[in-house]
């Protein structure tokens, strides 16, 4: 299956895709290049009044890995969240 649009990735629906585009991330390749932590930081910069959550970070990471975010081991999810919170 060829992945051309953000919404072709697992975990990425229309709303999250819009947030990514607003943050300057328009393709799956850009998301993969930046990584989930940087992508979430860019989303936060676009909407500082609504802080992103761990679920959104895991959704982004799952999209990059090509899996549903529930499949990411708990220790990996927590490590991603720690990385996000450390600036």
N, C-alpha and C. Protein backbone atom coordinates (compact mmCIF):
# COMPACT_ATOMS: atom_id res chain seq x y z
N UNK A 1 0.84 -1.18 0.00
CA UNK A 1 0.00 0.00 0.00
C UNK A 1 0.89 1.25 0.00
N UNK A 2 0.59 2.14 -0.88
CA UNK A 2 1.36 3.37 -0.98
C UNK A 2 0.78 4.44 -0.06
N UNK A 3 1.64 5.05 0.72
CA UNK A 3 1.22 6.07 1.68
C UNK A 3 1.59 7.43 1.12
N UNK A 4 0.56 8.19 0.75
CA UNK A 4 0.80 9.50 0.14
C UNK A 4 0.29 10.65 0.99
N UNK A 5 -0.79 10.40 1.72
CA UNK A 5 -1.40 11.45 2.54
C UNK A 5 -1.23 11.11 4.01
N UNK A 6 -1.26 12.13 4.84
CA UNK A 6 -1.16 11.90 6.28
C UNK A 6 -2.26 10.97 6.76
N UNK A 7 -3.45 11.11 6.22
CA UNK A 7 -4.56 10.28 6.65
C UNK A 7 -4.45 8.83 6.18
N UNK A 8 -3.46 8.53 5.34
CA UNK A 8 -3.19 7.14 4.95
C UNK A 8 -2.47 6.39 6.08
N UNK A 9 -1.91 7.13 7.01
CA UNK A 9 -1.17 6.53 8.13
C UNK A 9 -2.13 6.07 9.22
N UNK A 10 -1.79 5.01 9.95
CA UNK A 10 -2.63 4.62 11.09
C UNK A 10 -2.63 5.74 12.13
N UNK A 11 -3.73 5.88 12.81
CA UNK A 11 -3.92 6.84 13.91
C UNK A 11 -4.14 8.28 13.46
N UNK A 12 -3.98 8.58 12.18
CA UNK A 12 -4.10 9.96 11.70
C UNK A 12 -5.44 10.15 11.01
N UNK A 13 -6.35 10.81 11.72
CA UNK A 13 -7.63 11.16 11.13
C UNK A 13 -7.58 12.58 10.60
N UNK A 14 -8.72 13.07 10.16
CA UNK A 14 -8.78 14.40 9.55
C UNK A 14 -8.35 15.50 10.52
N UNK A 15 -8.76 15.41 11.78
CA UNK A 15 -8.44 16.48 12.74
C UNK A 15 -6.94 16.53 13.02
N UNK A 16 -6.32 15.40 13.28
CA UNK A 16 -4.88 15.39 13.55
C UNK A 16 -4.10 15.77 12.29
N UNK A 17 -4.57 15.34 11.14
CA UNK A 17 -3.91 15.74 9.88
C UNK A 17 -3.94 17.26 9.72
N UNK A 18 -5.06 17.88 10.06
CA UNK A 18 -5.17 19.34 9.97
C UNK A 18 -4.19 20.02 10.92
N UNK A 19 -4.05 19.47 12.11
CA UNK A 19 -3.10 20.03 13.07
C UNK A 19 -1.67 19.92 12.54
N UNK A 20 -1.35 18.79 11.95
CA UNK A 20 -0.01 18.60 11.39
C UNK A 20 0.25 19.60 10.26
N UNK A 21 -0.71 19.74 9.37
CA UNK A 21 -0.54 20.68 8.25
C UNK A 21 -0.39 22.11 8.77
N UNK A 22 -1.19 22.48 9.76
CA UNK A 22 -1.08 23.82 10.35
C UNK A 22 0.30 24.03 10.97
N UNK A 23 0.92 22.94 11.43
CA UNK A 23 2.25 23.01 12.03
C UNK A 23 3.36 22.89 10.97
N UNK A 24 2.97 22.84 9.70
CA UNK A 24 3.96 22.80 8.62
C UNK A 24 4.41 21.40 8.23
N UNK A 25 3.69 20.39 8.65
CA UNK A 25 4.03 19.00 8.35
C UNK A 25 2.94 18.48 7.41
N UNK A 26 3.27 18.37 6.13
CA UNK A 26 2.24 18.11 5.14
C UNK A 26 2.27 16.71 4.54
N UNK A 27 3.32 15.95 4.78
CA UNK A 27 3.42 14.62 4.17
C UNK A 27 3.87 13.59 5.20
N UNK A 28 3.57 12.32 4.93
CA UNK A 28 4.07 11.27 5.81
C UNK A 28 5.60 11.28 5.89
N UNK A 29 6.26 11.58 4.80
CA UNK A 29 7.72 11.61 4.81
C UNK A 29 8.25 12.70 5.74
N UNK A 30 7.60 13.86 5.76
CA UNK A 30 8.02 14.94 6.66
C UNK A 30 7.81 14.52 8.11
N UNK A 31 6.69 13.88 8.40
CA UNK A 31 6.41 13.42 9.76
C UNK A 31 7.49 12.42 10.19
N UNK A 32 7.81 11.48 9.34
CA UNK A 32 8.83 10.48 9.67
C UNK A 32 10.19 11.12 9.87
N UNK A 33 10.52 12.10 9.05
CA UNK A 33 11.82 12.77 9.16
C UNK A 33 11.94 13.54 10.47
N UNK A 34 10.86 14.21 10.88
CA UNK A 34 10.89 15.01 12.10
C UNK A 34 10.79 14.16 13.36
N UNK A 35 10.00 13.11 13.29
CA UNK A 35 9.77 12.28 14.47
C UNK A 35 8.57 12.78 15.26
N UNK A 36 8.04 11.92 16.10
CA UNK A 36 6.81 12.22 16.82
C UNK A 36 6.97 13.34 17.85
N UNK A 37 8.10 13.36 18.53
CA UNK A 37 8.30 14.37 19.58
C UNK A 37 8.37 15.77 18.97
N UNK A 38 9.14 15.93 17.91
CA UNK A 38 9.24 17.25 17.26
C UNK A 38 7.91 17.64 16.63
N UNK A 39 7.21 16.69 16.05
CA UNK A 39 5.91 16.99 15.46
C UNK A 39 4.94 17.51 16.52
N UNK A 40 4.93 16.87 17.68
CA UNK A 40 4.04 17.31 18.75
C UNK A 40 4.44 18.70 19.26
N UNK A 41 5.72 18.96 19.34
CA UNK A 41 6.17 20.30 19.75
C UNK A 41 5.69 21.36 18.77
N UNK A 42 5.73 21.04 17.49
CA UNK A 42 5.27 22.01 16.48
C UNK A 42 3.76 22.21 16.56
N UNK A 43 3.03 21.14 16.84
CA UNK A 43 1.58 21.28 17.02
C UNK A 43 1.30 22.18 18.21
N UNK A 44 2.03 21.98 19.30
CA UNK A 44 1.85 22.80 20.51
C UNK A 44 2.12 24.27 20.21
N UNK A 45 3.12 24.56 19.41
CA UNK A 45 3.43 25.95 19.07
C UNK A 45 2.28 26.61 18.32
N UNK A 46 1.52 25.82 17.57
CA UNK A 46 0.40 26.37 16.80
C UNK A 46 -0.82 26.62 17.69
N UNK A 47 -0.96 25.88 18.77
CA UNK A 47 -2.11 26.00 19.66
C UNK A 47 -1.66 25.93 21.11
N UNK A 48 -0.95 26.94 21.59
CA UNK A 48 -0.44 26.88 22.97
C UNK A 48 -1.54 26.83 24.03
N UNK A 49 -2.76 27.25 23.69
CA UNK A 49 -3.84 27.23 24.67
C UNK A 49 -4.38 25.82 24.92
N UNK A 50 -4.11 24.90 24.01
CA UNK A 50 -4.57 23.51 24.18
C UNK A 50 -3.34 22.61 24.12
N UNK A 51 -2.86 22.23 25.26
CA UNK A 51 -1.66 21.40 25.30
C UNK A 51 -1.93 20.01 24.77
N UNK A 52 -1.04 19.50 23.91
CA UNK A 52 -1.19 18.13 23.42
C UNK A 52 -1.03 17.12 24.56
N UNK A 53 -1.54 15.93 24.34
CA UNK A 53 -1.50 14.91 25.37
C UNK A 53 -0.63 13.72 24.92
N UNK A 54 -0.40 12.83 25.87
CA UNK A 54 0.40 11.65 25.60
C UNK A 54 -0.23 10.78 24.52
N UNK A 55 -1.55 10.72 24.47
CA UNK A 55 -2.22 9.92 23.45
C UNK A 55 -1.92 10.44 22.04
N UNK A 56 -1.88 11.76 21.89
CA UNK A 56 -1.56 12.32 20.58
C UNK A 56 -0.12 12.00 20.20
N UNK A 57 0.78 12.08 21.15
CA UNK A 57 2.18 11.74 20.89
C UNK A 57 2.29 10.28 20.45
N UNK A 58 1.60 9.41 21.14
CA UNK A 58 1.64 7.98 20.79
C UNK A 58 0.98 7.72 19.44
N UNK A 59 -0.06 8.47 19.13
CA UNK A 59 -0.70 8.33 17.81
C UNK A 59 0.29 8.70 16.72
N UNK A 60 1.04 9.78 16.93
CA UNK A 60 2.04 10.19 15.94
C UNK A 60 3.15 9.14 15.80
N UNK A 61 3.62 8.63 16.92
CA UNK A 61 4.67 7.61 16.89
C UNK A 61 4.17 6.34 16.21
N UNK A 62 2.95 5.94 16.52
CA UNK A 62 2.37 4.77 15.86
C UNK A 62 2.24 4.98 14.37
N UNK A 63 1.87 6.19 13.97
CA UNK A 63 1.77 6.50 12.54
C UNK A 63 3.13 6.34 11.86
N UNK A 64 4.16 6.81 12.51
CA UNK A 64 5.52 6.69 11.96
C UNK A 64 5.93 5.22 11.86
N UNK A 65 5.58 4.44 12.87
CA UNK A 65 5.95 3.02 12.88
C UNK A 65 5.01 2.16 12.03
N UNK A 66 3.86 2.73 11.64
CA UNK A 66 2.90 1.98 10.84
C UNK A 66 2.03 1.05 11.66
N UNK A 67 1.82 1.40 12.94
CA UNK A 67 1.00 0.56 13.83
C UNK A 67 0.00 1.41 14.59
N UNK A 68 -1.04 0.77 15.12
CA UNK A 68 -1.95 1.47 16.01
C UNK A 68 -1.19 1.82 17.29
N UNK A 69 -1.50 2.96 17.86
CA UNK A 69 -0.70 3.44 19.00
C UNK A 69 -0.80 2.52 20.20
N UNK A 70 -1.87 1.75 20.30
CA UNK A 70 -2.01 0.82 21.42
C UNK A 70 -0.94 -0.27 21.39
N UNK A 71 -0.35 -0.49 20.22
CA UNK A 71 0.68 -1.51 20.07
C UNK A 71 2.07 -1.08 20.52
N UNK A 72 2.21 0.18 20.88
CA UNK A 72 3.50 0.68 21.36
C UNK A 72 3.63 0.27 22.83
N UNK A 73 4.70 -0.41 23.20
CA UNK A 73 4.87 -0.84 24.60
C UNK A 73 4.81 0.35 25.56
N UNK A 74 4.26 0.12 26.73
CA UNK A 74 4.07 1.17 27.73
C UNK A 74 5.37 1.90 28.07
N UNK A 75 6.47 1.15 28.21
CA UNK A 75 7.74 1.82 28.55
C UNK A 75 8.21 2.73 27.42
N UNK A 76 7.94 2.36 26.18
CA UNK A 76 8.30 3.22 25.05
C UNK A 76 7.42 4.47 25.03
N UNK A 77 6.14 4.30 25.32
CA UNK A 77 5.24 5.47 25.39
C UNK A 77 5.70 6.45 26.45
N UNK A 78 6.07 5.92 27.62
CA UNK A 78 6.53 6.79 28.70
C UNK A 78 7.84 7.48 28.34
N UNK A 79 8.73 6.77 27.66
CA UNK A 79 9.98 7.38 27.22
C UNK A 79 9.76 8.50 26.22
N UNK A 80 8.82 8.31 25.31
CA UNK A 80 8.49 9.37 24.36
C UNK A 80 7.95 10.60 25.09
N UNK A 81 7.08 10.35 26.05
CA UNK A 81 6.49 11.47 26.81
C UNK A 81 7.57 12.23 27.58
N UNK A 82 8.51 11.50 28.17
CA UNK A 82 9.63 12.16 28.87
C UNK A 82 10.44 13.00 27.90
N UNK A 83 10.71 12.47 26.72
CA UNK A 83 11.47 13.21 25.71
C UNK A 83 10.72 14.48 25.31
N UNK A 84 9.41 14.37 25.16
CA UNK A 84 8.61 15.53 24.79
C UNK A 84 8.66 16.61 25.87
N UNK A 85 8.57 16.19 27.12
CA UNK A 85 8.54 17.16 28.21
C UNK A 85 9.90 17.80 28.49
N UNK A 86 10.96 17.19 28.00
CA UNK A 86 12.29 17.73 28.18
C UNK A 86 12.63 18.60 26.98
N UNK A 87 12.80 19.87 27.23
CA UNK A 87 13.10 20.78 26.12
C UNK A 87 14.43 21.42 26.28
